[in-house]
Amino acid sequence: MSIEVRNIDHLGLVAGIIDEIGIEKKINQLLGEELSEKITGGQVVKGMVLNGLGLVSSPLYLLSKFFEGKAIEHLIGKGVKTEYFNDDKLGLVLDQLYGRGLNDIFMSVVLEAVKIYELETNTVHLDSTSFHVHGDYHTDEDESEEDLEPKTIKITYGYSSDN
């Protein structure tokens, strides 16, 4: 009998939260899934998040190396192998995400987390320290019932303090 030990560190908790919020499922719904894919767009995003929140993150082109020695099937999904995280697949998924609109994707994930964890949203802080914004700000009284759907913020005028 041989025993193989794989490490997950804190990534098991992170993967569980990703699953609980439904990030992988949401990404797969937005990007679609193909039967011929070895790994879905949602699994790629999950892998990138795990890498980014790892104790030591790797550049994306080394993502497959990041998962070496880790229980990848437990973290990402059954049948997933480290070599599936190649730069071609990552590039394709990143292009697809950009095409779908990163702000909209981020907002839908955050709203799902707010709903699942029943977070209080009377006040919300958006860190916009690198943006200087001018313009009219409409209040709730200015909106009709139809306009109450959450929308992403569109900055139409201003400058970045990064310049």
N, C-alpha and C. Protein backbone atom coordinates (compact mmCIF):
# COMPACT_ATOMS: atom_id res chain seq x y z
N MET A 1 0.84 -1.17 0.00
CA MET A 1 0.00 0.00 0.00
C MET A 1 0.89 1.24 0.00
N SER A 2 0.64 2.16 -0.92
CA SER A 2 1.42 3.40 -0.96
C SER A 2 0.50 4.58 -0.65
N ILE A 3 1.05 5.51 0.07
CA ILE A 3 0.29 6.71 0.43
C ILE A 3 0.95 7.90 -0.23
N GLU A 4 0.15 8.69 -0.90
CA GLU A 4 0.65 9.91 -1.54
C GLU A 4 0.09 11.11 -0.78
N VAL A 5 0.97 11.96 -0.32
CA VAL A 5 0.56 13.13 0.45
C VAL A 5 0.63 14.36 -0.43
N ARG A 6 -0.45 15.12 -0.46
CA ARG A 6 -0.51 16.37 -1.21
C ARG A 6 -0.86 17.49 -0.25
N ASN A 7 -0.38 18.67 -0.53
CA ASN A 7 -0.56 19.82 0.33
C ASN A 7 -1.69 20.71 -0.20
N ILE A 8 -2.47 21.31 0.71
CA ILE A 8 -3.44 22.31 0.27
C ILE A 8 -3.33 23.61 1.07
N ASP A 9 -2.56 23.60 2.17
CA ASP A 9 -2.42 24.80 3.01
C ASP A 9 -3.79 25.41 3.29
N HIS A 10 -3.87 26.72 3.20
CA HIS A 10 -5.13 27.44 3.42
C HIS A 10 -5.99 27.46 2.16
N LEU A 11 -5.46 26.94 1.06
CA LEU A 11 -6.17 27.01 -0.22
C LEU A 11 -7.46 26.19 -0.21
N GLY A 12 -7.55 25.20 0.67
CA GLY A 12 -8.79 24.45 0.80
C GLY A 12 -9.93 25.33 1.26
N LEU A 13 -9.64 26.22 2.20
CA LEU A 13 -10.65 27.18 2.66
C LEU A 13 -11.05 28.14 1.55
N VAL A 14 -10.05 28.65 0.83
CA VAL A 14 -10.31 29.59 -0.26
C VAL A 14 -11.14 28.90 -1.35
N ALA A 15 -10.78 27.67 -1.71
CA ALA A 15 -11.53 26.93 -2.73
C ALA A 15 -12.97 26.70 -2.27
N GLY A 16 -13.15 26.41 -0.99
CA GLY A 16 -14.50 26.22 -0.46
C GLY A 16 -15.34 27.48 -0.55
N ILE A 17 -14.74 28.62 -0.28
CA ILE A 17 -15.46 29.90 -0.38
C ILE A 17 -15.79 30.20 -1.84
N ILE A 18 -14.85 29.93 -2.74
CA ILE A 18 -15.11 30.12 -4.18
C ILE A 18 -16.30 29.27 -4.60
N ASP A 19 -16.35 28.02 -4.12
CA ASP A 19 -17.46 27.13 -4.46
C ASP A 19 -18.77 27.62 -3.84
N GLU A 20 -18.69 28.08 -2.59
CA GLU A 20 -19.89 28.54 -1.89
C GLU A 20 -20.51 29.76 -2.58
N ILE A 21 -19.66 30.68 -3.01
CA ILE A 21 -20.15 31.87 -3.71
C ILE A 21 -20.62 31.51 -5.11
N GLY A 22 -20.05 30.48 -5.70
CA GLY A 22 -20.44 30.05 -7.04
C GLY A 22 -19.68 30.76 -8.15
N ILE A 23 -18.45 31.18 -7.86
CA ILE A 23 -17.66 31.92 -8.86
C ILE A 23 -17.41 31.06 -10.09
N GLU A 24 -16.98 29.82 -9.88
CA GLU A 24 -16.68 28.93 -11.01
C GLU A 24 -17.92 28.73 -11.88
N LYS A 25 -19.04 28.46 -11.25
CA LYS A 25 -20.30 28.24 -11.98
C LYS A 25 -20.70 29.49 -12.76
N LYS A 26 -20.59 30.66 -12.11
CA LYS A 26 -20.96 31.93 -12.76
C LYS A 26 -20.09 32.17 -14.00
N ILE A 27 -18.78 31.96 -13.87
CA ILE A 27 -17.86 32.16 -15.00
C ILE A 27 -18.21 31.19 -16.12
N ASN A 28 -18.50 29.94 -15.78
CA ASN A 28 -18.86 28.95 -16.80
C ASN A 28 -20.16 29.34 -17.51
N GLN A 29 -21.12 29.90 -16.78
CA GLN A 29 -22.36 30.36 -17.40
C GLN A 29 -22.09 31.50 -18.38
N LEU A 30 -21.22 32.42 -17.99
CA LEU A 30 -20.93 33.59 -18.82
C LEU A 30 -20.11 33.23 -20.06
N LEU A 31 -19.13 32.35 -19.89
CA LEU A 31 -18.23 32.02 -21.00
C LEU A 31 -18.68 30.81 -21.79
N GLY A 32 -19.54 30.00 -21.21
CA GLY A 32 -19.96 28.77 -21.87
C GLY A 32 -18.94 27.66 -21.63
N GLU A 33 -19.38 26.45 -21.86
CA GLU A 33 -18.51 25.29 -21.69
C GLU A 33 -18.56 24.45 -22.96
N GLU A 34 -17.42 23.88 -23.31
CA GLU A 34 -17.34 22.98 -24.46
C GLU A 34 -16.99 21.59 -23.95
N LEU A 35 -17.62 20.58 -24.49
CA LEU A 35 -17.35 19.21 -24.04
C LEU A 35 -15.90 18.81 -24.27
N SER A 36 -15.27 19.39 -25.28
CA SER A 36 -13.88 19.02 -25.59
C SER A 36 -12.86 19.66 -24.66
N GLU A 37 -13.30 20.59 -23.82
CA GLU A 37 -12.37 21.27 -22.91
C GLU A 37 -11.90 20.32 -21.82
N LYS A 38 -10.61 20.39 -21.52
CA LYS A 38 -10.07 19.62 -20.41
C LYS A 38 -10.32 20.35 -19.10
N ILE A 39 -10.42 21.67 -19.18
CA ILE A 39 -10.62 22.51 -18.00
C ILE A 39 -11.50 23.69 -18.43
N THR A 40 -12.46 24.05 -17.60
CA THR A 40 -13.39 25.12 -17.96
C THR A 40 -12.82 26.49 -17.61
N GLY A 41 -13.44 27.51 -18.15
CA GLY A 41 -13.04 28.88 -17.82
C GLY A 41 -13.19 29.16 -16.33
N GLY A 42 -14.24 28.62 -15.72
CA GLY A 42 -14.44 28.80 -14.29
C GLY A 42 -13.34 28.15 -13.47
N GLN A 43 -12.87 26.99 -13.91
CA GLN A 43 -11.77 26.32 -13.22
C GLN A 43 -10.47 27.11 -13.38
N VAL A 44 -10.28 27.70 -14.55
CA VAL A 44 -9.09 28.53 -14.77
C VAL A 44 -9.11 29.73 -13.82
N VAL A 45 -10.25 30.40 -13.73
CA VAL A 45 -10.38 31.55 -12.83
C VAL A 45 -10.15 31.11 -11.39
N LYS A 46 -10.72 29.99 -11.01
CA LYS A 46 -10.52 29.47 -9.65
C LYS A 46 -9.03 29.23 -9.40
N GLY A 47 -8.34 28.66 -10.37
CA GLY A 47 -6.90 28.43 -10.24
C GLY A 47 -6.13 29.73 -10.10
N MET A 48 -6.51 30.75 -10.87
CA MET A 48 -5.82 32.04 -10.78
C MET A 48 -6.07 32.71 -9.42
N VAL A 49 -7.28 32.59 -8.90
CA VAL A 49 -7.58 33.16 -7.59
C VAL A 49 -6.78 32.44 -6.51
N LEU A 50 -6.75 31.11 -6.58
CA LEU A 50 -5.97 30.35 -5.60
C LEU A 50 -4.49 30.73 -5.66
N ASN A 51 -3.98 30.90 -6.86
CA ASN A 51 -2.58 31.32 -7.03
C ASN A 51 -2.37 32.70 -6.41
N GLY A 52 -3.26 33.61 -6.69
CA GLY A 52 -3.12 34.97 -6.17
C GLY A 52 -3.23 35.04 -4.66
N LEU A 53 -3.97 34.13 -4.06
CA LEU A 53 -4.14 34.12 -2.61
C LEU A 53 -3.26 33.06 -1.93
N GLY A 54 -2.35 32.48 -2.71
CA GLY A 54 -1.41 31.52 -2.14
C GLY A 54 -0.37 32.22 -1.29
N LEU A 55 0.33 31.45 -0.48
CA LEU A 55 1.38 32.04 0.36
C LEU A 55 2.45 32.68 -0.50
N VAL A 56 2.77 32.02 -1.60
CA VAL A 56 3.71 32.56 -2.58
C VAL A 56 3.04 32.38 -3.93
N SER A 57 2.67 33.48 -4.58
CA SER A 57 2.00 33.36 -5.88
C SER A 57 3.04 33.28 -6.98
N SER A 58 2.65 32.65 -8.07
CA SER A 58 3.52 32.50 -9.23
C SER A 58 2.99 33.37 -10.35
N PRO A 59 3.87 33.80 -11.26
CA PRO A 59 3.37 34.48 -12.46
C PRO A 59 2.42 33.52 -13.19
N LEU A 60 1.48 34.08 -13.94
CA LEU A 60 0.48 33.23 -14.58
C LEU A 60 1.09 32.19 -15.52
N TYR A 61 2.19 32.53 -16.17
CA TYR A 61 2.77 31.55 -17.09
C TYR A 61 3.36 30.36 -16.34
N LEU A 62 3.50 30.46 -15.03
CA LEU A 62 3.98 29.35 -14.20
C LEU A 62 2.87 28.76 -13.32
N LEU A 63 1.62 29.01 -13.69
CA LEU A 63 0.51 28.55 -12.86
C LEU A 63 0.52 27.03 -12.71
N SER A 64 0.87 26.31 -13.76
CA SER A 64 0.91 24.85 -13.64
C SER A 64 1.95 24.42 -12.60
N LYS A 65 3.06 25.13 -12.52
CA LYS A 65 4.09 24.82 -11.50
C LYS A 65 3.57 25.12 -10.10
N PHE A 66 2.75 26.17 -9.95
CA PHE A 66 2.19 26.52 -8.65
C PHE A 66 1.42 25.34 -8.06
N PHE A 67 0.73 24.58 -8.90
CA PHE A 67 -0.11 23.49 -8.42
C PHE A 67 0.65 22.18 -8.22
N GLU A 68 1.92 22.12 -8.61
CA GLU A 68 2.69 20.90 -8.39
C GLU A 68 2.82 20.63 -6.90
N GLY A 69 2.54 19.41 -6.50
CA GLY A 69 2.61 19.03 -5.09
C GLY A 69 1.37 19.38 -4.29
N LYS A 70 0.40 20.01 -4.94
CA LYS A 70 -0.85 20.35 -4.26
C LYS A 70 -1.95 19.39 -4.70
N ALA A 71 -2.94 19.24 -3.88
CA ALA A 71 -4.07 18.35 -4.18
C ALA A 71 -5.00 19.04 -5.17
N ILE A 72 -4.57 19.12 -6.42
CA ILE A 72 -5.28 19.91 -7.43
C ILE A 72 -6.69 19.39 -7.70
N GLU A 73 -6.88 18.08 -7.67
CA GLU A 73 -8.22 17.54 -7.91
C GLU A 73 -9.16 17.93 -6.77
N HIS A 74 -8.64 18.02 -5.57
CA HIS A 74 -9.46 18.44 -4.42
C HIS A 74 -9.76 19.94 -4.51
N LEU A 75 -8.78 20.73 -4.95
CA LEU A 75 -8.95 22.18 -5.00
C LEU A 75 -9.76 22.64 -6.21
N ILE A 76 -9.51 22.06 -7.37
CA ILE A 76 -10.12 22.54 -8.62
C ILE A 76 -11.24 21.63 -9.10
N GLY A 77 -11.00 20.33 -9.14
CA GLY A 77 -12.03 19.42 -9.62
C GLY A 77 -11.45 18.08 -10.05
N LYS A 78 -12.29 17.09 -10.05
CA LYS A 78 -11.89 15.72 -10.39
C LYS A 78 -11.36 15.67 -11.83
N GLY A 79 -10.24 15.00 -11.99
CA GLY A 79 -9.66 14.81 -13.31
C GLY A 79 -8.79 15.96 -13.80
N VAL A 80 -8.69 17.03 -13.04
CA VAL A 80 -7.88 18.19 -13.44
C VAL A 80 -6.41 17.91 -13.15
N LYS A 81 -5.58 18.21 -14.13
CA LYS A 81 -4.13 18.01 -13.99
C LYS A 81 -3.43 19.36 -14.10
N THR A 82 -2.26 19.45 -13.50
CA THR A 82 -1.52 20.72 -13.49
C THR A 82 -1.23 21.23 -14.89
N GLU A 83 -0.94 20.34 -15.82
CA GLU A 83 -0.56 20.78 -17.17
C GLU A 83 -1.72 21.42 -17.94
N TYR A 84 -2.95 21.28 -17.45
CA TYR A 84 -4.09 21.93 -18.10
C TYR A 84 -4.04 23.44 -17.94
N PHE A 85 -3.29 23.92 -16.95
CA PHE A 85 -3.16 25.36 -16.71
C PHE A 85 -2.01 25.92 -17.54
N ASN A 86 -2.13 25.83 -18.85
CA ASN A 86 -1.08 26.35 -19.73
C ASN A 86 -1.40 27.78 -20.15
N ASP A 87 -0.39 28.47 -20.63
CA ASP A 87 -0.58 29.90 -20.96
C ASP A 87 -1.57 30.11 -22.10
N ASP A 88 -1.73 29.13 -22.99
CA ASP A 88 -2.72 29.27 -24.07
C ASP A 88 -4.14 29.31 -23.49
N LYS A 89 -4.43 28.38 -22.59
CA LYS A 89 -5.77 28.32 -21.99
C LYS A 89 -6.02 29.55 -21.12
N LEU A 90 -5.02 29.96 -20.34
CA LEU A 90 -5.18 31.14 -19.50
C LEU A 90 -5.42 32.38 -20.34
N GLY A 91 -4.65 32.53 -21.42
CA GLY A 91 -4.82 33.68 -22.31
C GLY A 91 -6.20 33.72 -22.94
N LEU A 92 -6.68 32.55 -23.38
CA LEU A 92 -8.01 32.46 -23.98
C LEU A 92 -9.09 32.88 -22.99
N VAL A 93 -9.01 32.36 -21.77
CA VAL A 93 -10.02 32.69 -20.75
C VAL A 93 -9.95 34.17 -20.39
N LEU A 94 -8.75 34.71 -20.24
CA LEU A 94 -8.62 36.14 -19.91
C LEU A 94 -9.20 37.01 -21.03
N ASP A 95 -8.98 36.63 -22.28
CA ASP A 95 -9.57 37.36 -23.40
C ASP A 95 -11.09 37.29 -23.37
N GLN A 96 -11.62 36.10 -23.07
CA GLN A 96 -13.08 35.94 -23.00
C GLN A 96 -13.67 36.77 -21.86
N LEU A 97 -12.99 36.78 -20.72
CA LEU A 97 -13.47 37.58 -19.58
C LEU A 97 -13.49 39.06 -19.94
N TYR A 98 -12.43 39.52 -20.57
CA TYR A 98 -12.36 40.93 -20.98
C TYR A 98 -13.50 41.25 -21.94
N GLY A 99 -13.75 40.34 -22.88
CA GLY A 99 -14.82 40.55 -23.85
C GLY A 99 -16.20 40.62 -23.21
N ARG A 100 -16.40 39.89 -22.12
CA ARG A 100 -17.70 39.90 -21.42
C ARG A 100 -17.87 41.13 -20.53
N GLY A 101 -16.78 41.79 -20.19
CA GLY A 101 -16.84 42.97 -19.34
C GLY A 101 -16.48 42.64 -17.90
N LEU A 102 -15.27 42.99 -17.52
CA LEU A 102 -14.76 42.63 -16.20
C LEU A 102 -15.55 43.28 -15.07
N ASN A 103 -15.97 44.53 -15.26
CA ASN A 103 -16.75 45.20 -14.21
C ASN A 103 -18.07 44.49 -13.95
N ASP A 104 -18.74 44.08 -15.02
CA ASP A 104 -20.02 43.38 -14.87
C ASP A 104 -19.82 42.02 -14.19
N ILE A 105 -18.77 41.31 -14.57
CA ILE A 105 -18.48 40.01 -13.95
C ILE A 105 -18.18 40.20 -12.47
N PHE A 106 -17.32 41.16 -12.16
CA PHE A 106 -16.96 41.42 -10.76
C PHE A 106 -18.20 41.78 -9.94
N MET A 107 -19.03 42.65 -10.51
CA MET A 107 -20.22 43.08 -9.78
C MET A 107 -21.17 41.90 -9.53
N SER A 108 -21.35 41.03 -10.50
CA SER A 108 -22.26 39.90 -10.30
C SER A 108 -21.73 38.94 -9.24
N VAL A 109 -20.41 38.76 -9.18
CA VAL A 109 -19.82 37.89 -8.16
C VAL A 109 -19.97 38.53 -6.78
N VAL A 110 -19.70 39.82 -6.69
CA VAL A 110 -19.82 40.52 -5.40
C VAL A 110 -21.27 40.51 -4.91
N LEU A 111 -22.22 40.76 -5.80
CA LEU A 111 -23.63 40.74 -5.40
C LEU A 111 -24.05 39.36 -4.92
N GLU A 112 -23.51 38.33 -5.54
CA GLU A 112 -23.80 36.96 -5.09
C GLU A 112 -23.24 36.72 -3.69
N ALA A 113 -22.02 37.20 -3.44
CA ALA A 113 -21.41 37.06 -2.11
C ALA A 113 -22.22 37.83 -1.07
N VAL A 114 -22.67 39.02 -1.42
CA VAL A 114 -23.48 39.83 -0.50
C VAL A 114 -24.76 39.07 -0.15
N LYS A 115 -25.37 38.45 -1.15
CA LYS A 115 -26.62 37.72 -0.93
C LYS A 115 -26.38 36.47 -0.07
N ILE A 116 -25.36 35.69 -0.40
CA ILE A 116 -25.09 34.44 0.31
C ILE A 116 -24.73 34.69 1.77
N TYR A 117 -23.89 35.67 2.01
CA TYR A 117 -23.42 35.94 3.37
C TYR A 117 -24.27 36.98 4.10
N GLU A 118 -25.36 37.39 3.46
CA GLU A 118 -26.30 38.35 4.05
C GLU A 118 -25.57 39.56 4.63
N LEU A 119 -24.74 40.16 3.82
CA LEU A 119 -23.94 41.31 4.24
C LEU A 119 -24.78 42.57 4.24
N GLU A 120 -24.55 43.43 5.20
CA GLU A 120 -25.24 44.71 5.30
C GLU A 120 -24.70 45.64 4.22
N THR A 121 -25.58 46.24 3.46
CA THR A 121 -25.14 47.11 2.36
C THR A 121 -25.72 48.51 2.45
N ASN A 122 -26.00 48.98 3.66
CA ASN A 122 -26.48 50.36 3.78
C ASN A 122 -25.43 51.34 3.29
N THR A 123 -24.19 51.07 3.61
CA THR A 123 -23.09 51.89 3.09
C THR A 123 -22.07 50.96 2.46
N VAL A 124 -21.57 51.36 1.32
CA VAL A 124 -20.59 50.56 0.60
C VAL A 124 -19.42 51.45 0.27
N HIS A 125 -18.22 50.95 0.47
CA HIS A 125 -17.01 51.74 0.19
C HIS A 125 -16.36 51.21 -1.08
N LEU A 126 -16.16 52.09 -2.02
CA LEU A 126 -15.44 51.76 -3.24
C LEU A 126 -14.12 52.50 -3.18
N ASP A 127 -13.03 51.76 -3.13
CA ASP A 127 -11.73 52.41 -3.08
C ASP A 127 -11.41 52.95 -4.46
N SER A 128 -11.54 54.24 -4.61
CA SER A 128 -11.28 54.88 -5.90
C SER A 128 -10.19 55.92 -5.74
N THR A 129 -9.16 55.59 -4.97
CA THR A 129 -8.12 56.56 -4.64
C THR A 129 -7.34 57.03 -5.86
N SER A 130 -7.35 56.28 -6.94
CA SER A 130 -6.62 56.73 -8.12
C SER A 130 -7.53 57.41 -9.13
N PHE A 131 -8.75 57.73 -8.75
CA PHE A 131 -9.67 58.38 -9.66
C PHE A 131 -10.13 59.72 -9.09
N HIS A 132 -10.21 60.70 -9.96
CA HIS A 132 -10.79 61.99 -9.61
C HIS A 132 -12.01 62.13 -10.49
N VAL A 133 -13.17 62.22 -9.90
CA VAL A 133 -14.41 62.16 -10.66
C VAL A 133 -15.19 63.47 -10.51
N HIS A 134 -15.72 63.97 -11.63
CA HIS A 134 -16.60 65.13 -11.65
C HIS A 134 -17.93 64.70 -12.25
N GLY A 135 -18.98 65.33 -11.86
CA GLY A 135 -20.25 65.05 -12.53
C GLY A 135 -21.42 65.12 -11.60
N ASP A 136 -22.58 64.83 -12.16
CA ASP A 136 -23.82 64.84 -11.39
C ASP A 136 -24.01 63.47 -10.76
N TYR A 137 -24.48 63.47 -9.55
CA TYR A 137 -24.75 62.24 -8.84
C TYR A 137 -26.23 62.19 -8.52
N HIS A 138 -26.88 61.21 -9.05
CA HIS A 138 -28.32 61.09 -8.86
C HIS A 138 -28.62 60.33 -7.58
N THR A 139 -29.65 60.74 -6.89
CA THR A 139 -30.06 60.07 -5.66
C THR A 139 -31.15 59.07 -5.97
N ASP A 140 -31.52 58.28 -4.96
CA ASP A 140 -32.59 57.30 -5.14
C ASP A 140 -33.90 57.96 -5.56
N GLU A 141 -34.12 59.20 -5.11
CA GLU A 141 -35.36 59.89 -5.46
C GLU A 141 -35.43 60.18 -6.96
N ASP A 142 -34.26 60.27 -7.62
CA ASP A 142 -34.23 60.57 -9.04
C ASP A 142 -34.54 59.35 -9.91
N GLU A 143 -34.54 58.16 -9.32
CA GLU A 143 -34.70 56.94 -10.10
C GLU A 143 -36.13 56.43 -10.02
N SER A 144 -36.59 55.89 -11.12
CA SER A 144 -37.90 55.25 -11.12
C SER A 144 -37.73 53.82 -10.61
N GLU A 145 -38.83 53.13 -10.40
CA GLU A 145 -38.77 51.74 -9.92
C GLU A 145 -38.00 50.86 -10.90
N GLU A 146 -38.06 51.16 -12.20
CA GLU A 146 -37.40 50.34 -13.21
C GLU A 146 -35.88 50.45 -13.12
N ASP A 147 -35.37 51.56 -12.61
CA ASP A 147 -33.94 51.80 -12.58
C ASP A 147 -33.27 51.30 -11.31
N LEU A 148 -33.94 50.52 -10.49
CA LEU A 148 -33.37 50.09 -9.22
C LEU A 148 -32.47 48.86 -9.34
N GLU A 149 -32.35 48.28 -10.54
CA GLU A 149 -31.43 47.16 -10.74
C GLU A 149 -30.01 47.63 -10.51
N PRO A 150 -29.17 46.83 -9.84
CA PRO A 150 -27.77 47.24 -9.65
C PRO A 150 -27.06 47.41 -10.99
N LYS A 151 -26.25 48.43 -11.09
CA LYS A 151 -25.50 48.70 -12.32
C LYS A 151 -24.06 49.01 -11.95
N THR A 152 -23.15 48.75 -12.88
CA THR A 152 -21.77 49.11 -12.63
C THR A 152 -21.60 50.61 -12.82
N ILE A 153 -20.62 51.16 -12.13
CA ILE A 153 -20.32 52.58 -12.23
C ILE A 153 -19.56 52.82 -13.52
N LYS A 154 -19.94 53.85 -14.26
CA LYS A 154 -19.21 54.23 -15.47
C LYS A 154 -18.65 55.62 -15.25
N ILE A 155 -17.34 55.71 -15.17
CA ILE A 155 -16.70 57.00 -15.01
C ILE A 155 -16.58 57.61 -16.39
N THR A 156 -17.20 58.76 -16.58
CA THR A 156 -17.23 59.38 -17.91
C THR A 156 -16.32 60.59 -18.02
N TYR A 157 -15.83 61.09 -16.88
CA TYR A 157 -14.97 62.24 -16.92
C TYR A 157 -14.10 62.22 -15.67
N GLY A 158 -12.84 62.56 -15.82
CA GLY A 158 -11.96 62.61 -14.66
C GLY A 158 -10.53 62.28 -15.07
N TYR A 159 -9.68 62.19 -14.10
CA TYR A 159 -8.29 61.83 -14.37
C TYR A 159 -7.77 60.97 -13.24
N SER A 160 -6.79 60.16 -13.56
CA SER A 160 -6.19 59.27 -12.57
C SER A 160 -5.04 59.98 -11.88
N SER A 161 -4.95 59.83 -10.57
CA SER A 161 -3.83 60.43 -9.84
C SER A 161 -2.55 59.63 -10.05
N ASP A 162 -2.63 58.53 -10.78
CA ASP A 162 -1.43 57.75 -11.10
C ASP A 162 -0.55 58.46 -12.12
N ASN A 163 -1.11 59.46 -12.82
CA ASN A 163 -0.35 60.17 -13.87
C ASN A 163 0.66 61.10 -13.27
